[in-house]
Amino acid sequence: LMSAQQQGKGKGKGKGKKKKGRKSIVLKTPKGTRDYDPVQMAIREKVINTITSTFKKYGAVTIETPLFELKETLTNKYGEDSKLIYDLEDQGGELCSLRYDLTVPFARHLAMNRIQSMKRYHIGRVYRRDNPSAKQGRWREFYQCDFDIAGKFYEPLLPDAEALTVMVEILKNLNMGKFEVKINSRKLLDGIFAICDVADEMFRTICSSVDKLDKMSWAEVKKEMLTKGLEEEKADKIWEFVQLRGKPKELLEQLTTRGVCEGNESAKEGLKDLEILFDYLEIFDVLDSFSFDLSLARGLDYYTGIIFEAVMIDNSGLSVGSIAGGGRYDGLVEQFGGENVPCIGFSVGVERIFAILEAKEEAKEDKTRPCETEVLIFSNSNSKTGDLMRQRMRILTMFRKAGISAEMVFKMNPRSDFQIKYAKERGIPFLVILSQEDMENGTVSVKYSETSEETRDIQVSDVVEFVKNFKPQ
């Protein structure tokens, strides 16, 4: 690049004068966002493909909604988390906000289009003004993978059992390590709050405090409750309940036998729902993945019944919190002026799952390949003509027409060491090697990189089939 002085030469009055330097730009992504390199994207793509294939296996269809919604669509749906919504600057028309999750847009879609039933999945970016943490996989821009079943004419709790089974199968298929799914009921929690003499208008805010027990000590949560105006004896009574957790059927029997919820219909209904759900989950052969945890509250306001959250048990010391979660939200569609369409659904936290898999990738000897190329068309010639390059192009085309991913280096006469390095960095398993002499005989050699096994004198017309049927010695 020429200096400012050099650029000014020969331009009359400006000759010899320095131009004002450009303001330096700080090259960084905004706080809470990140770039992904090819290896990271390969891991991400594998994760999303695993999730998508499981959604489809269970008969789900997909939709897409805008990245931003009318601000009024998102208002009063997320409780205390509403402060995390990104509002967009008024452009002289409608007030809009970036979507906070995929659930509220789905409910709006159902109400707007008068849809009575749907089993859908949706994978897309969402935005939250959260305090980001790369170690915990928490970002301000991130992907969610949602699965929901909407419809009123279903056997109660059967859609809930199906959604939970889908979630467990996804987490098993991702091979991240041990996990458990905490499960509870908002009906049961509301009943417990009533038994503890919490005022109705305080249910949601106290529920939000209970939801922090996985991140804060009871002393801290209790202090927050007292700050909100709850009496200390009521807080202590809540603690007697929310510290209970155990195997689903065992804890359910314990609560039923003790009769602690007999005086409240909401609590009794919550326990009955859980009893039916645990039976269904046992039939679907996934109940062993669950724990019944009365401290699970899920902070969002729109949940009305079963709630659940998946967490890692053994994650190599990496704390990522919840990796998936959801619940039943029976009144959300109706809030948008639609008919009452009960819904159950969950979201898989791809970024948090990715944080676990990325840490595992660092420790692996067998690294993830950044591409799917199977064959590199390799030039082994010192010829300065373009003849061998054209031959490589022809053989490259043969492989691609046969549906085999193949590449060549974009040089007329690339050095061998450069091509070998290229193949190694990209993990390309086969080298189809051309030389001037081989081309005169209509043959090539094929080298299998993993074992360095090389086969010579293969007819060009047969090389595609040779690679297709190759078995290492």
Protein backbone atom coordinates (compact mmCIF):
# COMPACT_ATOMS: atom_id res chain seq x y z
CA LEU A 1 0.00 0.00 0.00
CA MET A 2 1.23 3.54 -0.81
CA SER A 3 1.67 6.01 1.99
CA ALA A 4 -0.54 9.10 2.20
CA GLN A 5 2.42 11.18 0.92
CA GLN A 6 2.91 8.93 -2.10
CA GLN A 7 -0.81 9.04 -2.90
CA GLY A 8 -0.68 12.85 -2.81
CA LYS A 9 2.13 13.24 -5.36
CA GLY A 10 1.21 14.86 -8.68
CA LYS A 11 -2.10 16.23 -7.42
CA GLY A 12 -1.51 20.00 -7.48
CA LYS A 13 -2.14 21.78 -4.20
CA GLY A 14 -2.26 18.57 -2.29
CA LYS A 15 1.28 17.66 -3.30
CA GLY A 16 3.48 16.67 -0.38
CA LYS A 17 0.70 17.05 2.24
CA LYS A 18 -0.32 14.21 4.52
CA LYS A 19 -3.92 13.12 4.42
CA LYS A 20 -5.70 12.70 7.71
CA GLY A 21 -5.30 9.13 8.93
CA ARG A 22 -8.37 6.95 9.13
CA LYS A 23 -9.74 6.20 12.56
CA SER A 24 -8.61 2.72 13.58
CA ILE A 25 -11.39 0.15 13.84
CA VAL A 26 -11.47 -2.29 16.74
CA LEU A 27 -12.00 -5.67 15.13
CA LYS A 28 -14.16 -7.64 17.54
CA THR A 29 -17.59 -9.17 17.71
CA PRO A 30 -20.19 -7.41 19.89
CA LYS A 31 -20.36 -8.51 23.53
CA GLY A 32 -22.15 -11.82 23.89
CA THR A 33 -21.62 -12.92 20.28
CA ARG A 34 -18.94 -14.96 18.55
CA ASP A 35 -17.60 -16.28 15.26
CA TYR A 36 -17.29 -20.01 14.55
CA ASP A 37 -14.36 -21.51 12.66
CA PRO A 38 -14.77 -24.45 10.21
CA VAL A 39 -14.13 -27.16 12.84
CA GLN A 40 -16.57 -25.54 15.27
CA MET A 41 -19.14 -25.26 12.50
CA ALA A 42 -18.66 -28.96 11.64
CA ILE A 43 -19.41 -29.88 15.27
CA ARG A 44 -22.41 -27.51 15.32
CA GLU A 45 -23.77 -28.93 12.07
CA LYS A 46 -23.50 -32.48 13.43
CA VAL A 47 -25.38 -31.46 16.60
CA ILE A 48 -28.18 -29.74 14.67
CA ASN A 49 -28.47 -32.65 12.21
CA THR A 50 -28.78 -35.09 15.13
CA ILE A 51 -31.51 -32.96 16.72
CA THR A 52 -33.37 -32.40 13.43
CA SER A 53 -33.36 -36.10 12.50
CA THR A 54 -34.87 -36.98 15.90
CA PHE A 55 -37.58 -34.32 15.52
CA LYS A 56 -38.48 -35.76 12.11
CA LYS A 57 -38.45 -39.32 13.44
CA TYR A 58 -41.33 -38.35 15.72
CA GLY A 59 -43.34 -36.79 12.87
CA ALA A 60 -42.71 -33.08 13.51
CA VAL A 61 -42.98 -30.45 10.77
CA THR A 62 -41.04 -27.19 10.76
CA ILE A 63 -41.94 -23.50 10.47
CA GLU A 64 -40.04 -20.20 10.37
CA THR A 65 -40.95 -16.90 12.03
CA PRO A 66 -39.31 -13.43 11.83
CA LEU A 67 -36.21 -12.62 13.90
CA PHE A 68 -38.14 -9.70 15.36
CA GLU A 69 -41.73 -9.40 16.56
CA LEU A 70 -43.99 -6.53 17.50
CA LYS A 71 -42.97 -5.37 20.95
CA GLU A 72 -46.50 -5.89 22.27
CA THR A 73 -46.33 -9.55 21.19
CA LEU A 74 -43.43 -10.18 23.59
CA THR A 75 -44.62 -7.92 26.44
CA ASN A 76 -45.66 -9.57 29.75
CA LYS A 77 -44.69 -13.10 28.66
CA TYR A 78 -41.38 -13.62 30.43
CA GLY A 79 -41.85 -12.31 33.97
CA GLU A 80 -38.70 -10.79 35.46
CA ASP A 81 -36.71 -11.87 32.38
CA SER A 82 -38.59 -9.30 30.27
CA LYS A 83 -35.75 -6.87 31.01
CA LEU A 84 -33.50 -9.08 28.85
CA ILE A 85 -35.49 -8.38 25.66
CA TYR A 86 -33.69 -6.39 22.95
CA ASP A 87 -35.90 -3.49 21.81
CA LEU A 88 -35.25 -2.13 18.31
CA GLU A 89 -35.06 1.59 17.60
CA ASP A 90 -38.30 3.07 16.29
CA GLN A 91 -38.07 3.40 12.50
CA GLY A 92 -41.13 5.63 12.28
CA GLY A 93 -43.59 2.76 12.26
CA GLU A 94 -44.16 -0.28 14.43
CA LEU A 95 -42.30 -0.80 17.71
CA CYS A 96 -40.42 -4.10 17.46
CA SER A 97 -38.13 -6.30 19.56
CA LEU A 98 -35.79 -9.16 18.73
CA ARG A 99 -37.37 -12.47 19.60
CA TYR A 100 -36.44 -13.76 23.07
CA ASP A 101 -37.38 -17.36 22.39
CA LEU A 102 -39.23 -19.44 19.77
CA THR A 103 -42.22 -20.33 21.96
CA VAL A 104 -44.05 -17.00 21.99
CA PRO A 105 -43.68 -16.56 18.18
CA PHE A 106 -45.09 -20.10 17.78
CA ALA A 107 -48.12 -19.24 19.96
CA ARG A 108 -48.61 -16.04 17.94
CA HIS A 109 -48.40 -18.10 14.72
CA LEU A 110 -51.07 -20.53 15.96
CA ALA A 111 -53.43 -17.74 17.03
CA MET A 112 -52.89 -15.64 13.89
CA ASN A 113 -53.54 -18.58 11.55
CA ARG A 114 -56.27 -20.21 13.68
CA ILE A 115 -54.33 -23.49 13.84
CA GLN A 116 -55.90 -26.04 16.19
CA SER A 117 -53.17 -28.66 16.30
CA MET A 118 -49.55 -29.02 15.20
CA LYS A 119 -46.46 -31.01 16.09
CA ARG A 120 -43.67 -28.67 15.07
CA TYR A 121 -39.97 -28.06 15.41
CA HIS A 122 -38.17 -24.79 14.84
CA ILE A 123 -34.44 -24.07 14.82
CA GLY A 124 -33.36 -20.43 14.84
CA ARG A 125 -31.49 -17.58 16.52
CA VAL A 126 -32.86 -15.77 19.57
CA TYR A 127 -31.52 -12.76 21.47
CA ARG A 128 -31.22 -11.89 25.17
CA ARG A 129 -29.46 -9.03 26.96
CA ASP A 130 -28.00 -11.56 29.39
CA ASN A 131 -24.64 -11.46 31.14
CA PRO A 132 -22.61 -13.60 28.72
CA SER A 133 -20.26 -16.39 29.81
CA ALA A 134 -18.30 -18.35 27.20
CA LYS A 135 -17.40 -21.05 29.74
CA GLN A 136 -21.05 -21.67 30.54
CA GLY A 137 -22.15 -21.43 26.91
CA ARG A 138 -24.30 -18.37 27.63
CA TRP A 139 -24.50 -15.78 24.85
CA ARG A 140 -26.64 -12.83 23.82
CA GLU A 141 -27.17 -14.29 20.35
CA PHE A 142 -27.70 -18.03 20.23
CA TYR A 143 -29.61 -20.83 18.57
CA GLN A 144 -32.57 -22.66 20.05
CA CYS A 145 -33.97 -25.95 18.80
CA ASP A 146 -37.64 -26.19 19.79
CA PHE A 147 -40.15 -29.04 19.70
CA ASP A 148 -43.81 -28.42 20.56
CA ILE A 149 -47.11 -30.29 20.40
CA ALA A 150 -50.21 -28.08 20.19
CA GLY A 151 -53.80 -29.33 20.34
CA LYS A 152 -56.71 -29.84 22.71
CA PHE A 153 -58.13 -33.17 21.48
CA TYR A 154 -55.43 -35.40 22.94
CA GLU A 155 -55.35 -37.82 25.84
CA PRO A 156 -54.11 -35.77 28.84
CA LEU A 157 -50.36 -36.04 29.50
CA LEU A 158 -49.70 -38.21 26.44
CA PRO A 159 -48.24 -35.29 24.40
CA ASP A 160 -46.15 -34.40 27.49
CA ALA A 161 -44.74 -37.92 27.62
CA GLU A 162 -43.97 -37.83 23.88
CA ALA A 163 -42.17 -34.48 24.11
CA LEU A 164 -40.09 -35.66 27.07
CA THR A 165 -39.20 -38.90 25.25
CA VAL A 166 -38.01 -36.90 22.23
CA MET A 167 -35.82 -34.73 24.47
CA VAL A 168 -34.24 -37.72 26.22
CA GLU A 169 -33.53 -39.45 22.90
CA ILE A 170 -31.80 -36.31 21.55
CA LEU A 171 -29.57 -35.97 24.61
CA LYS A 172 -28.62 -39.65 24.43
CA ASN A 173 -27.88 -39.42 20.69
CA LEU A 174 -25.54 -36.45 21.23
CA ASN A 175 -23.24 -38.62 23.41
CA MET A 176 -22.23 -35.78 25.71
CA GLY A 177 -22.14 -37.77 28.93
CA LYS A 178 -24.50 -38.43 31.81
CA PHE A 179 -27.50 -36.18 32.28
CA GLU A 180 -30.71 -36.07 34.24
CA VAL A 181 -34.04 -34.42 33.60
CA LYS A 182 -35.54 -32.61 36.58
CA ILE A 183 -39.34 -32.59 36.50
CA ASN A 184 -42.03 -30.79 38.50
CA SER A 185 -45.46 -29.21 38.04
CA ARG A 186 -46.49 -25.56 38.17
CA LYS A 187 -49.86 -26.71 39.51
CA LEU A 188 -48.07 -28.44 42.38
CA LEU A 189 -45.84 -25.41 43.02
CA ASP A 190 -48.81 -23.03 43.03
CA GLY A 191 -50.56 -25.37 45.46
CA ILE A 192 -47.49 -25.43 47.71
CA PHE A 193 -47.35 -21.61 47.69
CA ALA A 194 -51.03 -21.52 48.67
CA ILE A 195 -50.42 -24.08 51.46
CA CYS A 196 -47.59 -21.79 52.67
CA ASP A 197 -50.04 -18.83 52.72
CA VAL A 198 -48.31 -16.91 49.91
CA ALA A 199 -50.70 -14.31 48.44
CA ASP A 200 -51.97 -15.17 44.92
CA GLU A 201 -50.48 -12.01 43.42
CA MET A 202 -47.02 -13.05 44.69
CA PHE A 203 -47.01 -16.55 43.15
CA ARG A 204 -45.11 -15.60 40.00
CA THR A 205 -42.45 -13.46 41.68
CA ILE A 206 -41.83 -16.07 44.40
CA CYS A 207 -41.71 -18.74 41.70
CA SER A 208 -39.01 -16.68 39.98
CA SER A 209 -36.98 -16.68 43.22
CA VAL A 210 -37.35 -20.45 43.69
CA ASP A 211 -36.11 -20.88 40.11
CA LYS A 212 -32.72 -19.49 41.21
CA LEU A 213 -32.01 -22.31 43.66
CA ASP A 214 -29.80 -24.06 41.10
CA LYS A 215 -27.55 -20.97 40.98
CA MET A 216 -27.87 -19.50 44.49
CA SER A 217 -27.91 -20.80 48.07
CA TRP A 218 -31.15 -21.02 50.00
CA ALA A 219 -29.97 -18.16 52.24
CA GLU A 220 -29.60 -15.91 49.17
CA VAL A 221 -32.95 -16.98 47.71
CA LYS A 222 -34.67 -16.49 51.06
CA LYS A 223 -33.17 -13.01 51.37
CA GLU A 224 -34.57 -12.15 47.92
CA MET A 225 -38.03 -13.43 48.94
CA LEU A 226 -37.97 -11.28 52.08
CA THR A 227 -36.93 -8.28 49.99
CA LYS A 228 -40.02 -8.89 47.83
CA GLY A 229 -42.21 -8.67 50.95
CA LEU A 230 -42.68 -12.32 51.88
CA GLU A 231 -42.77 -13.08 55.61
CA GLU A 232 -39.88 -15.18 56.97
CA GLU A 233 -42.06 -17.98 58.38
CA LYS A 234 -43.69 -18.42 54.95
CA ALA A 235 -40.30 -18.56 53.26
CA ASP A 236 -39.14 -21.24 55.75
CA LYS A 237 -42.29 -23.23 55.07
CA ILE A 238 -41.59 -23.08 51.31
CA TRP A 239 -38.07 -24.39 51.98
CA GLU A 240 -39.52 -27.51 53.66
CA PHE A 241 -41.05 -28.39 50.27
CA VAL A 242 -38.56 -27.18 47.65
CA GLN A 243 -35.60 -29.07 49.17
CA LEU A 244 -37.33 -32.37 48.35
CA ARG A 245 -36.03 -34.35 45.36
CA GLY A 246 -35.70 -38.01 44.45
CA LYS A 247 -36.70 -40.79 42.10
CA PRO A 248 -40.03 -39.89 40.47
CA LYS A 249 -42.29 -42.65 41.77
CA GLU A 250 -40.64 -42.85 45.20
CA LEU A 251 -40.99 -39.13 45.98
CA LEU A 252 -44.51 -39.09 44.54
CA GLU A 253 -45.51 -41.92 46.88
CA GLN A 254 -43.87 -40.13 49.82
CA LEU A 255 -45.82 -36.91 49.16
CA THR A 256 -49.07 -38.83 48.66
CA THR A 257 -48.62 -40.93 51.81
CA ARG A 258 -47.81 -37.88 53.94
CA GLY A 259 -50.93 -36.14 52.61
CA VAL A 260 -49.17 -32.77 52.66
CA CYS A 261 -51.11 -31.55 49.62
CA GLU A 262 -54.57 -32.83 50.58
CA GLY A 263 -55.82 -29.38 51.48
CA ASN A 264 -55.23 -27.82 48.06
CA GLU A 265 -56.87 -28.79 44.76
CA SER A 266 -54.12 -27.34 42.57
CA ALA A 267 -51.46 -29.37 44.40
CA LYS A 268 -53.57 -32.54 44.25
CA GLU A 269 -54.14 -32.04 40.52
CA GLY A 270 -50.40 -31.52 40.00
CA LEU A 271 -49.58 -34.77 41.81
CA LYS A 272 -52.21 -36.65 39.78
CA ASP A 273 -50.72 -35.31 36.51
CA LEU A 274 -47.26 -36.45 37.58
CA GLU A 275 -48.56 -39.90 38.54
CA ILE A 276 -50.02 -40.40 35.05
CA LEU A 277 -46.96 -38.92 33.35
CA PHE A 278 -44.52 -41.14 35.27
CA ASP A 279 -46.50 -44.22 34.16
CA TYR A 280 -46.30 -43.10 30.50
CA LEU A 281 -42.59 -42.33 30.75
CA GLU A 282 -42.02 -45.80 32.21
CA ILE A 283 -43.85 -47.36 29.24
CA PHE A 284 -41.70 -45.28 26.84
CA ASP A 285 -38.66 -46.66 28.73
CA VAL A 286 -37.18 -43.27 29.68
CA LEU A 287 -38.25 -42.80 33.33
CA ASP A 288 -34.74 -43.70 34.57
CA SER A 289 -33.49 -40.40 33.10
CA PHE A 290 -35.75 -38.32 35.41
CA SER A 291 -35.65 -36.97 38.95
CA PHE A 292 -38.64 -35.41 40.71
CA ASP A 293 -37.36 -32.05 42.03
CA LEU A 294 -39.67 -29.65 43.87
CA SER A 295 -37.15 -26.81 43.56
CA LEU A 296 -37.59 -26.71 39.79
CA ALA A 297 -39.73 -23.67 38.98
CA ARG A 298 -38.85 -22.43 35.44
CA GLY A 299 -39.01 -18.62 35.66
CA LEU A 300 -41.17 -17.87 32.62
CA ASP A 301 -44.72 -16.73 33.35
CA TYR A 302 -46.49 -18.70 30.66
CA TYR A 303 -46.01 -22.22 32.10
CA THR A 304 -49.18 -23.79 33.50
CA GLY A 305 -48.53 -27.50 34.15
CA ILE A 306 -45.65 -29.95 33.79
CA ILE A 307 -42.20 -28.28 33.77
CA PHE A 308 -38.81 -29.90 33.23
CA GLU A 309 -35.12 -29.15 32.75
CA ALA A 310 -32.18 -31.32 31.64
CA VAL A 311 -28.77 -30.83 33.29
CA MET A 312 -25.40 -32.54 32.90
CA ILE A 313 -24.23 -34.79 35.74
CA ASP A 314 -20.72 -35.57 34.54
CA ASN A 315 -19.40 -32.84 32.28
CA SER A 316 -15.65 -32.87 32.91
CA GLY A 317 -15.82 -29.95 35.34
CA LEU A 318 -17.46 -27.64 32.81
CA SER A 319 -20.49 -25.93 34.35
CA VAL A 320 -23.06 -25.17 31.67
CA GLY A 321 -26.31 -25.21 33.64
CA SER A 322 -29.45 -26.30 31.86
CA ILE A 323 -28.95 -27.93 28.44
CA ALA A 324 -32.66 -28.30 27.63
CA GLY A 325 -35.93 -27.42 29.24
CA GLY A 326 -39.59 -26.63 28.78
CA GLY A 327 -43.08 -27.29 29.99
CA ARG A 328 -46.80 -27.03 29.38
CA TYR A 329 -48.24 -23.65 28.45
CA ASP A 330 -52.00 -23.95 27.98
CA GLY A 331 -53.05 -20.30 28.00
CA LEU A 332 -50.47 -18.59 25.78
CA VAL A 333 -52.27 -18.92 22.42
CA GLU A 334 -55.46 -17.57 23.97
CA GLN A 335 -53.55 -14.46 25.14
CA PHE A 336 -53.14 -13.51 21.48
CA GLY A 337 -56.89 -13.58 20.87
CA GLY A 338 -56.93 -17.09 19.46
CA GLU A 339 -58.87 -20.09 20.70
CA ASN A 340 -57.63 -22.07 23.66
CA VAL A 341 -54.95 -24.35 22.16
CA PRO A 342 -53.05 -26.24 24.90
CA CYS A 343 -49.34 -26.72 24.19
CA ILE A 344 -46.37 -28.65 25.54
CA GLY A 345 -42.82 -28.11 24.34
CA PHE A 346 -39.13 -27.83 25.06
CA SER A 347 -36.02 -26.12 23.79
CA VAL A 348 -32.56 -27.63 23.41
CA GLY A 349 -29.75 -25.22 24.36
CA VAL A 350 -27.41 -25.75 21.42
CA GLU A 351 -24.78 -23.27 22.64
CA ARG A 352 -24.44 -24.98 26.01
CA ILE A 353 -24.26 -28.39 24.38
CA PHE A 354 -21.67 -26.98 22.00
CA ALA A 355 -19.59 -25.72 24.96
CA ILE A 356 -19.42 -29.30 26.27
CA LEU A 357 -18.57 -30.82 22.89
CA GLU A 358 -16.01 -28.09 22.15
CA ALA A 359 -14.22 -28.92 25.42
CA LYS A 360 -14.27 -32.61 24.48
CA GLU A 361 -12.88 -31.74 21.03
CA GLU A 362 -9.84 -30.09 22.63
CA ALA A 363 -9.01 -33.34 24.42
CA LYS A 364 -9.57 -35.62 21.42
CA GLU A 365 -6.73 -37.10 19.39
CA ASP A 366 -9.03 -37.85 16.47
CA LYS A 367 -10.08 -34.30 15.60
CA THR A 368 -13.33 -33.43 13.83
CA ARG A 369 -12.86 -32.81 10.12
CA PRO A 370 -13.81 -29.31 8.97
CA CYS A 371 -15.05 -30.59 5.59
CA GLU A 372 -16.49 -33.71 3.96
CA THR A 373 -14.07 -33.96 1.04
CA GLU A 374 -13.20 -37.59 0.30
CA VAL A 375 -10.76 -37.19 -2.59
CA LEU A 376 -7.98 -34.75 -3.50
CA ILE A 377 -6.92 -34.89 -7.16
CA PHE A 378 -3.16 -34.70 -6.68
CA SER A 379 -0.62 -33.51 -9.27
CA ASN A 380 2.74 -35.28 -9.15
CA SER A 381 4.41 -33.58 -12.10
CA ASN A 382 6.94 -30.86 -12.81
CA SER A 383 5.28 -29.98 -16.11
CA LYS A 384 4.88 -26.26 -16.72
CA THR A 385 2.07 -26.80 -19.22
CA GLY A 386 -1.61 -26.78 -18.39
CA ASP A 387 -2.17 -30.33 -19.70
CA LEU A 388 -2.08 -32.06 -16.29
CA MET A 389 -4.26 -29.40 -14.70
CA ARG A 390 -6.93 -30.06 -17.32
CA GLN A 391 -6.65 -33.80 -16.68
CA ARG A 392 -7.13 -33.17 -12.96
CA MET A 393 -10.20 -31.11 -13.77
CA ARG A 394 -11.65 -33.94 -15.87
CA ILE A 395 -11.07 -36.57 -13.15
CA LEU A 396 -12.41 -34.14 -10.52
CA THR A 397 -15.61 -33.86 -12.57
CA MET A 398 -15.91 -37.67 -12.76
CA PHE A 399 -15.90 -37.96 -8.96
CA ARG A 400 -18.36 -35.12 -8.45
CA LYS A 401 -20.77 -36.55 -11.02
CA ALA A 402 -20.61 -39.83 -9.10
CA GLY A 403 -21.69 -37.99 -5.94
CA ILE A 404 -18.28 -38.14 -4.25
CA SER A 405 -16.97 -34.97 -2.62
CA ALA A 406 -13.66 -34.08 -4.32
CA GLU A 407 -11.26 -31.15 -4.62
CA MET A 408 -8.11 -30.04 -6.40
CA VAL A 409 -5.64 -27.27 -5.60
CA PHE A 410 -6.24 -24.23 -7.81
CA LYS A 411 -2.74 -24.12 -9.30
CA MET A 412 -1.37 -25.32 -12.64
CA ASN A 413 1.58 -27.11 -11.07
CA PRO A 414 1.20 -27.18 -7.24
CA ARG A 415 4.10 -28.39 -5.12
CA SER A 416 3.67 -31.86 -3.64
CA ASP A 417 4.35 -30.69 -0.07
CA PHE A 418 1.67 -28.00 -0.41
CA GLN A 419 -0.91 -30.56 -1.60
CA ILE A 420 0.01 -33.02 1.17
CA LYS A 421 -0.37 -30.29 3.80
CA TYR A 422 -3.72 -29.26 2.30
CA ALA A 423 -5.02 -32.84 2.43
CA LYS A 424 -3.76 -33.34 6.01
CA GLU A 425 -5.28 -30.12 7.37
CA ARG A 426 -8.66 -31.03 5.90
CA GLY A 427 -8.49 -34.72 6.79
CA ILE A 428 -8.99 -35.85 3.17
CA PRO A 429 -8.67 -39.67 3.13
CA PHE A 430 -7.86 -40.33 -0.56
CA LEU A 431 -5.27 -38.88 -2.91
CA VAL A 432 -5.78 -39.63 -6.60
CA ILE A 433 -2.27 -39.05 -7.94
CA LEU A 434 -1.59 -38.00 -11.53
CA SER A 435 1.82 -37.91 -13.24
CA GLN A 436 2.76 -37.10 -16.82
CA GLU A 437 3.83 -40.70 -17.42
CA ASP A 438 0.63 -42.16 -15.94
CA MET A 439 -1.51 -39.88 -18.05
CA GLU A 440 0.22 -41.07 -21.20
CA ASN A 441 -0.78 -44.62 -20.17
CA GLY A 442 -4.31 -43.60 -19.12
CA THR A 443 -3.69 -44.57 -15.48
CA VAL A 444 -3.52 -42.99 -12.00
CA SER A 445 -2.44 -44.03 -8.50
CA VAL A 446 -4.63 -43.92 -5.38
CA LYS A 447 -3.19 -43.37 -1.90
CA TYR A 448 -5.17 -43.96 1.28
CA SER A 449 -3.85 -41.36 3.72
CA GLU A 450 -4.63 -43.13 6.99
CA THR A 451 -2.40 -46.16 6.24
CA SER A 452 -0.25 -44.69 3.41
CA GLU A 453 -1.39 -47.65 1.31
CA GLU A 454 -0.89 -46.83 -2.39
CA THR A 455 -2.30 -48.65 -5.42
CA ARG A 456 -0.75 -47.93 -8.82
CA ASP A 457 -1.75 -48.31 -12.47
CA ILE A 458 -5.52 -47.88 -12.06
CA GLN A 459 -7.29 -47.07 -15.30
CA VAL A 460 -8.75 -43.56 -15.24
CA SER A 461 -12.12 -44.99 -16.27
CA ASP A 462 -12.07 -47.31 -13.19
CA VAL A 463 -10.76 -44.94 -10.51
CA VAL A 464 -14.16 -43.78 -9.23
CA GLU A 465 -15.35 -47.36 -8.66
CA PHE A 466 -12.00 -48.23 -7.07
CA VAL A 467 -12.38 -45.47 -4.46
CA LYS A 468 -16.05 -46.36 -3.87
CA ASN A 469 -15.19 -50.01 -3.14
CA PHE A 470 -11.85 -49.49 -1.40
CA LYS A 471 -11.22 -51.52 1.75
CA PRO A 472 -7.98 -50.87 3.69
CA GLN A 473 -5.61 -53.83 4.06
